[in-house]
Amino acid sequence: MKAQSYWITALSLVIIMGIAGCRTFDQGPRVSFKKAEERVANTWIVKEAVQNNVEITDRFDGGFLTFEVNRDFIILDVDWEVTIPPFGQDTVLTIGGGGTWDFLSDKNRIEILYTINYQDPYDANVNYTEETYQQWEIEKLYEDEMWLRSTELNMTLHLEPF
């Protein structure tokens, strides 16, 4: 009977050490009993944003990103900067859009594909559609914070629930 309890204890320790050693995200969590999909699924605001070593958090004020469990994605950006043709005039608009998100192979990276539609602020008869594809590395993923990094955009985002 004692030998059996030693084996159960030893097996339990091996399983716990194996789980603790399986670290998907660089900065945590070490162990989570909630699936990564469920932790990503939330409406997030940008708490901090840095691009090219410059803090740009104010560009995201008032906007949000929603990742749904069914892999739908929604974006609202109140400071979307666009260049309107034909004269290349820059303007800032509030836009909304939607698309999909999914994990890439090892679940420490996500891809987002979304489309936004907006009306030309100078000609109400002209509408624009932009499709965006992005890949982000998940550095940290808790229920109350998510840190993303994009090497293509040279940007990091620190997100918190809305």
C-alpha atoms as a PDB file:
ATOM      1  CA  MET A   1       0.000   0.000   0.000  1.00  0.00           C
ATOM      2  CA  LYS A   2       2.857   2.375   0.845  1.00  0.00           C
ATOM      3  CA  ALA A   3       4.561   1.665  -2.475  1.00  0.00           C
ATOM      4  CA  GLN A   4       1.367   2.549  -4.330  1.00  0.00           C
ATOM      5  CA  SER A   5       1.060   5.910  -2.548  1.00  0.00           C
ATOM      6  CA  TYR A   6       4.717   6.685  -3.345  1.00  0.00           C
ATOM      7  CA  TRP A   7       4.053   6.010  -7.028  1.00  0.00           C
ATOM      8  CA  ILE A   8       0.954   8.207  -6.996  1.00  0.00           C
ATOM      9  CA  THR A   9       2.882  11.005  -5.268  1.00  0.00           C
ATOM     10  CA  ALA A  10       5.817  10.682  -7.685  1.00  0.00           C
ATOM     11  CA  LEU A  11       3.497  10.641 -10.715  1.00  0.00           C
ATOM     12  CA  SER A  12       1.637  13.691  -9.396  1.00  0.00           C
ATOM     13  CA  LEU A  13       4.917  15.592  -8.971  1.00  0.00           C
ATOM     14  CA  VAL A  14       6.010  14.714 -12.504  1.00  0.00           C
ATOM     15  CA  ILE A  15       2.690  15.945 -13.925  1.00  0.00           C
ATOM     16  CA  ILE A  16       2.804  19.191 -11.914  1.00  0.00           C
ATOM     17  CA  MET A  17       6.419  19.861 -12.938  1.00  0.00           C
ATOM     18  CA  GLY A  18       5.531  19.140 -16.553  1.00  0.00           C
ATOM     19  CA  ILE A  19       2.641  21.586 -16.478  1.00  0.00           C
ATOM     20  CA  ALA A  20       4.778  24.235 -14.775  1.00  0.00           C
ATOM     21  CA  GLY A  21       7.483  23.730 -17.387  1.00  0.00           C
ATOM     22  CA  CYS A  22       5.070  24.285 -20.284  1.00  0.00           C
ATOM     23  CA  ARG A  23       5.285  28.015 -20.639  1.00  0.00           C
ATOM     24  CA  THR A  24       3.650  29.398 -23.744  1.00  0.00           C
ATOM     25  CA  PHE A  25       4.121  33.139 -23.191  1.00  0.00           C
ATOM     26  CA  ASP A  26       7.466  34.822 -22.469  1.00  0.00           C
ATOM     27  CA  GLN A  27       6.251  36.817 -19.475  1.00  0.00           C
ATOM     28  CA  GLY A  28       3.490  34.637 -18.099  1.00  0.00           C
ATOM     29  CA  PRO A  29       1.471  33.210 -16.737  1.00  0.00           C
ATOM     30  CA  ARG A  30       3.522  30.260 -15.602  1.00  0.00           C
ATOM     31  CA  VAL A  31       0.417  28.091 -15.135  1.00  0.00           C
ATOM     32  CA  SER A  32      -3.197  28.823 -16.009  1.00  0.00           C
ATOM     33  CA  PHE A  33      -6.272  26.668 -15.688  1.00  0.00           C
ATOM     34  CA  LYS A  34      -8.141  28.772 -18.250  1.00  0.00           C
ATOM     35  CA  LYS A  35      -7.563  28.155 -21.958  1.00  0.00           C
ATOM     36  CA  ALA A  36      -5.640  30.788 -23.895  1.00  0.00           C
ATOM     37  CA  GLU A  37      -8.681  31.294 -26.174  1.00  0.00           C
ATOM     38  CA  GLU A  38     -10.814  32.192 -23.168  1.00  0.00           C
ATOM     39  CA  ARG A  39      -8.217  34.643 -21.849  1.00  0.00           C
ATOM     40  CA  VAL A  40      -7.864  36.386 -25.235  1.00  0.00           C
ATOM     41  CA  ALA A  41     -11.664  36.593 -25.644  1.00  0.00           C
ATOM     42  CA  ASN A  42     -12.456  40.000 -24.184  1.00  0.00           C
ATOM     43  CA  THR A  43     -12.946  43.646 -25.077  1.00  0.00           C
ATOM     44  CA  TRP A  44      -9.617  45.375 -24.530  1.00  0.00           C
ATOM     45  CA  ILE A  45      -8.425  48.974 -24.355  1.00  0.00           C
ATOM     46  CA  VAL A  46      -4.850  50.056 -24.966  1.00  0.00           C
ATOM     47  CA  LYS A  47      -3.268  50.956 -21.636  1.00  0.00           C
ATOM     48  CA  GLU A  48       0.138  51.619 -23.196  1.00  0.00           C
ATOM     49  CA  ALA A  49       1.459  51.647 -26.755  1.00  0.00           C
ATOM     50  CA  VAL A  50       5.043  52.106 -27.929  1.00  0.00           C
ATOM     51  CA  GLN A  51       6.152  52.283 -31.560  1.00  0.00           C
ATOM     52  CA  ASN A  52       9.758  52.789 -32.655  1.00  0.00           C
ATOM     53  CA  ASN A  53      10.632  53.462 -28.995  1.00  0.00           C
ATOM     54  CA  VAL A  54       8.129  56.341 -28.865  1.00  0.00           C
ATOM     55  CA  GLU A  55       5.129  56.213 -26.529  1.00  0.00           C
ATOM     56  CA  ILE A  56       1.938  56.632 -28.620  1.00  0.00           C
ATOM     57  CA  THR A  57      -0.765  55.598 -26.159  1.00  0.00           C
ATOM     58  CA  ASP A  58      -2.852  58.730 -26.784  1.00  0.00           C
ATOM     59  CA  ARG A  59      -3.462  57.587 -30.396  1.00  0.00           C
ATOM     60  CA  PHE A  60      -5.633  54.792 -28.973  1.00  0.00           C
ATOM     61  CA  ASP A  61      -7.722  56.836 -26.522  1.00  0.00           C
ATOM     62  CA  GLY A  62     -11.415  55.992 -26.788  1.00  0.00           C
ATOM     63  CA  GLY A  63     -10.943  52.912 -28.959  1.00  0.00           C
ATOM     64  CA  PHE A  64     -11.151  49.224 -28.233  1.00  0.00           C
ATOM     65  CA  LEU A  65     -10.359  45.778 -29.622  1.00  0.00           C
ATOM     66  CA  THR A  66     -12.754  42.875 -29.136  1.00  0.00           C
ATOM     67  CA  PHE A  67     -11.610  39.285 -29.542  1.00  0.00           C
ATOM     68  CA  GLU A  68     -14.541  36.871 -29.368  1.00  0.00           C
ATOM     69  CA  VAL A  69     -14.362  33.158 -28.501  1.00  0.00           C
ATOM     70  CA  ASN A  70     -15.771  32.263 -31.933  1.00  0.00           C
ATOM     71  CA  ARG A  71     -12.724  34.045 -33.468  1.00  0.00           C
ATOM     72  CA  ASP A  72     -14.616  37.193 -34.544  1.00  0.00           C
ATOM     73  CA  PHE A  73     -12.708  40.461 -34.146  1.00  0.00           C
ATOM     74  CA  ILE A  74     -14.112  43.991 -33.767  1.00  0.00           C
ATOM     75  CA  ILE A  75     -12.162  47.245 -33.751  1.00  0.00           C
ATOM     76  CA  LEU A  76     -13.161  50.796 -32.922  1.00  0.00           C
ATOM     77  CA  ASP A  77     -10.499  53.445 -33.428  1.00  0.00           C
ATOM     78  CA  VAL A  78     -11.363  57.070 -32.755  1.00  0.00           C
ATOM     79  CA  ASP A  79      -8.056  58.395 -34.119  1.00  0.00           C
ATOM     80  CA  TRP A  80      -7.670  56.494 -37.394  1.00  0.00           C
ATOM     81  CA  GLU A  81      -5.374  58.504 -39.633  1.00  0.00           C
ATOM     82  CA  VAL A  82      -6.075  58.208 -43.347  1.00  0.00           C
ATOM     83  CA  THR A  83      -4.775  59.855 -46.482  1.00  0.00           C
ATOM     84  CA  ILE A  84      -7.631  60.852 -48.764  1.00  0.00           C
ATOM     85  CA  PRO A  85      -6.913  60.810 -52.522  1.00  0.00           C
ATOM     86  CA  PRO A  86      -6.436  62.456 -54.965  1.00  0.00           C
ATOM     87  CA  PHE A  87      -4.447  65.169 -53.179  1.00  0.00           C
ATOM     88  CA  GLY A  88      -3.098  63.024 -50.365  1.00  0.00           C
ATOM     89  CA  GLN A  89      -4.809  65.039 -47.675  1.00  0.00           C
ATOM     90  CA  ASP A  90      -4.345  63.509 -44.206  1.00  0.00           C
ATOM     91  CA  THR A  91      -7.330  63.443 -41.898  1.00  0.00           C
ATOM     92  CA  VAL A  92      -8.293  61.695 -38.673  1.00  0.00           C
ATOM     93  CA  LEU A  93     -11.546  59.708 -38.517  1.00  0.00           C
ATOM     94  CA  THR A  94     -13.404  57.484 -36.098  1.00  0.00           C
ATOM     95  CA  ILE A  95     -13.722  54.077 -37.718  1.00  0.00           C
ATOM     96  CA  GLY A  96     -15.124  50.700 -36.866  1.00  0.00           C
ATOM     97  CA  GLY A  97     -14.493  47.406 -38.498  1.00  0.00           C
ATOM     98  CA  GLY A  98     -14.591  43.697 -38.100  1.00  0.00           C
ATOM     99  CA  GLY A  99     -12.970  40.492 -39.131  1.00  0.00           C
ATOM    100  CA  THR A 100     -11.402  37.413 -37.610  1.00  0.00           C
ATOM    101  CA  TRP A 101      -8.534  36.427 -35.358  1.00  0.00           C
ATOM    102  CA  ASP A 102      -6.833  33.113 -34.732  1.00  0.00           C
ATOM    103  CA  PHE A 103      -3.780  31.611 -33.120  1.00  0.00           C
ATOM    104  CA  LEU A 104      -0.821  30.707 -35.247  1.00  0.00           C
ATOM    105  CA  SER A 105       0.778  27.275 -34.823  1.00  0.00           C
ATOM    106  CA  ASP A 106       2.061  27.381 -31.253  1.00  0.00           C
ATOM    107  CA  LYS A 107      -0.562  29.691 -29.702  1.00  0.00           C
ATOM    108  CA  ASN A 108       1.944  32.344 -28.662  1.00  0.00           C
ATOM    109  CA  ARG A 109       1.201  34.349 -31.816  1.00  0.00           C
ATOM    110  CA  ILE A 110      -2.110  35.570 -33.193  1.00  0.00           C
ATOM    111  CA  GLU A 111      -3.145  36.786 -36.585  1.00  0.00           C
ATOM    112  CA  ILE A 112      -5.852  39.365 -37.155  1.00  0.00           C
ATOM    113  CA  LEU A 113      -7.614  40.048 -40.454  1.00  0.00           C
ATOM    114  CA  TYR A 114     -10.151  42.863 -40.451  1.00  0.00           C
ATOM    115  CA  THR A 115     -11.880  45.259 -42.810  1.00  0.00           C
ATOM    116  CA  ILE A 116     -12.870  48.839 -42.170  1.00  0.00           C
ATOM    117  CA  ASN A 117     -15.216  50.931 -44.257  1.00  0.00           C
ATOM    118  CA  TYR A 118     -15.375  54.703 -44.048  1.00  0.00           C
ATOM    119  CA  GLN A 119     -16.874  57.581 -45.930  1.00  0.00           C
ATOM    120  CA  ASP A 120     -14.780  60.306 -47.543  1.00  0.00           C
ATOM    121  CA  PRO A 121     -15.144  63.326 -45.228  1.00  0.00           C
ATOM    122  CA  TYR A 122     -15.109  65.669 -48.236  1.00  0.00           C
ATOM    123  CA  ASP A 123     -17.388  63.754 -50.623  1.00  0.00           C
ATOM    124  CA  ALA A 124     -20.303  61.784 -49.125  1.00  0.00           C
ATOM    125  CA  ASN A 125     -20.645  59.798 -52.376  1.00  0.00           C
ATOM    126  CA  VAL A 126     -17.216  58.184 -51.962  1.00  0.00           C
ATOM    127  CA  ASN A 127     -16.613  55.244 -49.619  1.00  0.00           C
ATOM    128  CA  TYR A 128     -13.352  53.472 -48.885  1.00  0.00           C
ATOM    129  CA  THR A 129     -12.602  49.938 -47.756  1.00  0.00           C
ATOM    130  CA  GLU A 130      -9.320  48.906 -46.185  1.00  0.00           C
ATOM    131  CA  GLU A 131      -8.347  45.363 -45.352  1.00  0.00           C
ATOM    132  CA  THR A 132      -5.626  44.849 -42.743  1.00  0.00           C
ATOM    133  CA  TYR A 133      -3.662  41.732 -41.825  1.00  0.00           C
ATOM    134  CA  GLN A 134      -1.461  41.731 -38.731  1.00  0.00           C
ATOM    135  CA  GLN A 135       0.536  39.200 -36.738  1.00  0.00           C
ATOM    136  CA  TRP A 136       1.240  39.762 -33.049  1.00  0.00           C
ATOM    137  CA  GLU A 137       3.362  37.827 -30.582  1.00  0.00           C
ATOM    138  CA  ILE A 138       1.645  37.375 -27.235  1.00  0.00           C
ATOM    139  CA  GLU A 139       4.195  38.191 -24.563  1.00  0.00           C
ATOM    140  CA  LYS A 140       1.855  38.014 -21.576  1.00  0.00           C
ATOM    141  CA  LEU A 141      -1.719  36.757 -21.314  1.00  0.00           C
ATOM    142  CA  TYR A 142      -3.715  36.971 -18.112  1.00  0.00           C
ATOM    143  CA  GLU A 143      -7.456  37.518 -17.749  1.00  0.00           C
ATOM    144  CA  ASP A 144      -6.814  41.149 -16.786  1.00  0.00           C
ATOM    145  CA  GLU A 145      -3.927  42.029 -19.130  1.00  0.00           C
ATOM    146  CA  MET A 146      -2.483  41.071 -22.487  1.00  0.00           C
ATOM    147  CA  TRP A 147       0.817  42.266 -23.934  1.00  0.00           C
ATOM    148  CA  LEU A 148       1.301  42.083 -27.702  1.00  0.00           C
ATOM    149  CA  ARG A 149       4.377  42.790 -29.832  1.00  0.00           C
ATOM    150  CA  SER A 150       4.600  43.218 -33.600  1.00  0.00           C
ATOM    151  CA  THR A 151       8.029  43.134 -35.205  1.00  0.00           C
ATOM    152  CA  GLU A 152       6.533  44.266 -38.538  1.00  0.00           C
ATOM    153  CA  LEU A 153       5.053  47.402 -36.962  1.00  0.00           C
ATOM    154  CA  ASN A 154       7.867  47.727 -34.396  1.00  0.00           C
ATOM    155  CA  MET A 155       5.106  48.194 -31.815  1.00  0.00           C
ATOM    156  CA  THR A 156       4.130  46.852 -28.411  1.00  0.00           C
ATOM    157  CA  LEU A 157       0.651  47.095 -26.903  1.00  0.00           C
ATOM    158  CA  HIS A 158      -0.271  46.623 -23.257  1.00  0.00           C
ATOM    159  CA  LEU A 159      -4.010  45.870 -23.147  1.00  0.00           C
ATOM    160  CA  GLU A 160      -6.469  45.839 -20.248  1.00  0.00           C
ATOM    161  CA  PRO A 161     -10.159  44.841 -20.195  1.00  0.00           C
ATOM    162  CA  PHE A 162     -12.617  47.555 -21.207  1.00  0.00           C
END
